[in-house]
C-alpha atoms as a PDB file:
ATOM      1  CA  MET A   1      15.757   2.130 -14.601  1.00  0.00           C
ATOM      2  CA  LYS A   2      15.903   1.927 -10.820  1.00  0.00           C
ATOM      3  CA  LYS A   3      13.222  -0.215  -9.169  1.00  0.00           C
ATOM      4  CA  ASN A   4      10.837   1.282  -6.655  1.00  0.00           C
ATOM      5  CA  PRO A   5      11.609  -0.190  -3.183  1.00  0.00           C
ATOM      6  CA  LEU A   6       7.858  -0.562  -2.600  1.00  0.00           C
ATOM      7  CA  GLN A   7       7.680  -2.788  -5.687  1.00  0.00           C
ATOM      8  CA  ASP A   8      10.196  -5.202  -4.147  1.00  0.00           C
ATOM      9  CA  LEU A   9       8.409  -5.169  -0.791  1.00  0.00           C
ATOM     10  CA  ILE A  10       4.955  -5.777  -2.328  1.00  0.00           C
ATOM     11  CA  ASN A  11       6.330  -8.569  -4.524  1.00  0.00           C
ATOM     12  CA  LYS A  12       7.867 -10.240  -1.469  1.00  0.00           C
ATOM     13  CA  ILE A  13       4.489 -10.126   0.296  1.00  0.00           C
ATOM     14  CA  VAL A  14       2.689 -11.580  -2.754  1.00  0.00           C
ATOM     15  CA  TRP A  15       5.236 -14.251  -3.706  1.00  0.00           C
ATOM     16  CA  LYS A  16       5.709 -15.531  -0.163  1.00  0.00           C
ATOM     17  CA  ASN A  17       1.985 -15.236   0.678  1.00  0.00           C
ATOM     18  CA  ILE A  18       2.762 -13.126   3.755  1.00  0.00           C
ATOM     19  CA  GLU A  19      -0.071 -11.854   5.956  1.00  0.00           C
ATOM     20  CA  ALA A  20       0.406  -8.105   5.803  1.00  0.00           C
ATOM     21  CA  ASN A  21      -1.405  -4.897   6.606  1.00  0.00           C
ATOM     22  CA  ILE A  22      -1.288  -2.520   3.642  1.00  0.00           C
ATOM     23  CA  GLU A  23      -3.046   0.825   3.984  1.00  0.00           C
ATOM     24  CA  TYR A  24      -3.567   3.374   1.235  1.00  0.00           C
ATOM     25  CA  ILE A  25      -5.359   6.627   0.503  1.00  0.00           C
ATOM     26  CA  ASP A  26      -8.601   5.994  -1.373  1.00  0.00           C
ATOM     27  CA  ARG A  27      -9.859   8.977  -3.344  1.00  0.00           C
ATOM     28  CA  TYR A  28     -12.715   7.202  -5.149  1.00  0.00           C
ATOM     29  CA  GLU A  29     -15.025   6.646  -2.183  1.00  0.00           C
ATOM     30  CA  GLY A  30     -14.173   9.915  -0.483  1.00  0.00           C
ATOM     31  CA  ILE A  31     -10.710  10.680   0.789  1.00  0.00           C
ATOM     32  CA  ARG A  32      -9.950   8.103   3.458  1.00  0.00           C
ATOM     33  CA  ILE A  33      -7.499   5.403   4.429  1.00  0.00           C
ATOM     34  CA  LYS A  34      -8.419   1.889   3.338  1.00  0.00           C
ATOM     35  CA  ARG A  35      -6.854  -1.459   4.092  1.00  0.00           C
ATOM     36  CA  LEU A  36      -5.816  -3.718   1.224  1.00  0.00           C
ATOM     37  CA  ASP A  37      -5.905  -7.498   1.502  1.00  0.00           C
ATOM     38  CA  PRO A  38      -2.643  -8.742  -0.078  1.00  0.00           C
ATOM     39  CA  ARG A  39      -4.540 -11.679  -1.609  1.00  0.00           C
ATOM     40  CA  GLN A  40      -6.225  -9.132  -3.930  1.00  0.00           C
ATOM     41  CA  ILE A  41      -2.871  -8.183  -5.476  1.00  0.00           C
ATOM     42  CA  LEU A  42      -2.073  -9.591  -8.911  1.00  0.00           C
ATOM     43  CA  LYS A  43       1.363  -7.993  -9.162  1.00  0.00           C
ATOM     44  CA  ALA A  44       3.439  -4.986  -8.277  1.00  0.00           C
ATOM     45  CA  GLY A  45       4.210  -2.925 -11.366  1.00  0.00           C
ATOM     46  CA  THR A  46       6.793  -0.184 -11.642  1.00  0.00           C
ATOM     47  CA  SER A  47       4.436   2.578 -10.471  1.00  0.00           C
ATOM     48  CA  PHE A  48       1.268   0.798  -9.366  1.00  0.00           C
ATOM     49  CA  ILE A  49      -0.035  -2.181  -7.428  1.00  0.00           C
ATOM     50  CA  ILE A  50      -2.238  -4.046  -9.886  1.00  0.00           C
ATOM     51  CA  LEU A  51      -5.214  -5.828  -8.319  1.00  0.00           C
ATOM     52  CA  LYS A  52      -6.925  -8.973  -9.582  1.00  0.00           C
ATOM     53  CA  ASP A  53     -10.043  -6.956 -10.454  1.00  0.00           C
ATOM     54  CA  GLY A  54      -7.957  -4.805 -12.839  1.00  0.00           C
ATOM     55  CA  SER A  55      -7.824  -1.689 -10.657  1.00  0.00           C
ATOM     56  CA  MET A  56      -4.515  -0.050  -9.826  1.00  0.00           C
ATOM     57  CA  ILE A  57      -3.220   1.721  -6.735  1.00  0.00           C
ATOM     58  CA  PRO A  58      -0.281   4.091  -7.273  1.00  0.00           C
ATOM     59  CA  TYR A  59       2.595   3.713  -4.837  1.00  0.00           C
ATOM     60  CA  HIS A  60       2.370   7.359  -3.765  1.00  0.00           C
ATOM     61  CA  ARG A  61      -0.988   6.520  -2.141  1.00  0.00           C
ATOM     62  CA  ILE A  62       0.449   3.747   0.061  1.00  0.00           C
ATOM     63  CA  THR A  63       0.662   4.997   3.650  1.00  0.00           C
ATOM     64  CA  THR A  64       1.696   1.906   5.652  1.00  0.00           C
ATOM     65  CA  ILE A  65       3.003  -1.613   5.101  1.00  0.00           C
ATOM     66  CA  GLU A  66       3.267  -3.762   8.191  1.00  0.00           C
ATOM     67  CA  PHE A  67       3.965  -7.475   8.649  1.00  0.00           C
ATOM     68  CA  GLU A  68       5.709  -9.822  11.051  1.00  0.00           C
ATOM     69  CA  GLY A  69       4.960  -7.313  13.813  1.00  0.00           C
ATOM     70  CA  LYS A  70       7.076  -4.587  12.186  1.00  0.00           C
ATOM     71  CA  ILE A  71       6.325  -1.497  10.146  1.00  0.00           C
ATOM     72  CA  PHE A  72       8.331  -1.804   6.945  1.00  0.00           C
ATOM     73  CA  TYR A  73       7.003   1.352   5.329  1.00  0.00           C
ATOM     74  CA  SER A  74       5.208   4.358   6.785  1.00  0.00           C
ATOM     75  CA  LYS A  75       4.207   7.652   5.238  1.00  0.00           C
ATOM     76  CA  ARG A  76       2.212   9.012   8.170  1.00  0.00           C
ATOM     77  CA  ASP A  77       2.438  12.675   7.113  1.00  0.00           C
ATOM     78  CA  ASP A  78       0.163  11.844   4.191  1.00  0.00           C
ATOM     79  CA  TYR A  79      -2.418  10.395   6.570  1.00  0.00           C
ATOM     80  CA  LYS A  80      -2.738  13.753   8.308  1.00  0.00           C
ATOM     81  CA  LYS A  81      -2.688  15.653   5.018  1.00  0.00           C
ATOM     82  CA  TRP A  82      -5.545  13.648   3.506  1.00  0.00           C
ATOM     83  CA  THR A  83      -7.700  13.067   6.587  1.00  0.00           C
ATOM     84  CA  GLY A  84      -6.890  16.050   8.809  1.00  0.00           C
ATOM     85  CA  LYS A  85      -6.305  13.605  11.684  1.00  0.00           C
ATOM     86  CA  ASN A  86      -3.117  13.171  13.673  1.00  0.00           C
ATOM     87  CA  THR A  87      -1.730   9.629  14.035  1.00  0.00           C
ATOM     88  CA  SER A  88      -0.062  10.163  17.408  1.00  0.00           C
END
């Protein structure tokens, strides 16, 4: 089975304790973009980020991963789809 590239990226952030900005679509508290503190991540599974509190965030809800001053992953079209706001 082929690994999800986001799984490798999230694992790198967790294993190397990298300060990163991870944003995702939260549908539980109303549809909005939330920021995830990488220190909350227990591990990156094959389809989900698993948090220390036992909750899981599916990769398809990740909108942005940024660290070291660079955007390593961006799915900005989803931001507009879920919030109705333009990112430009």
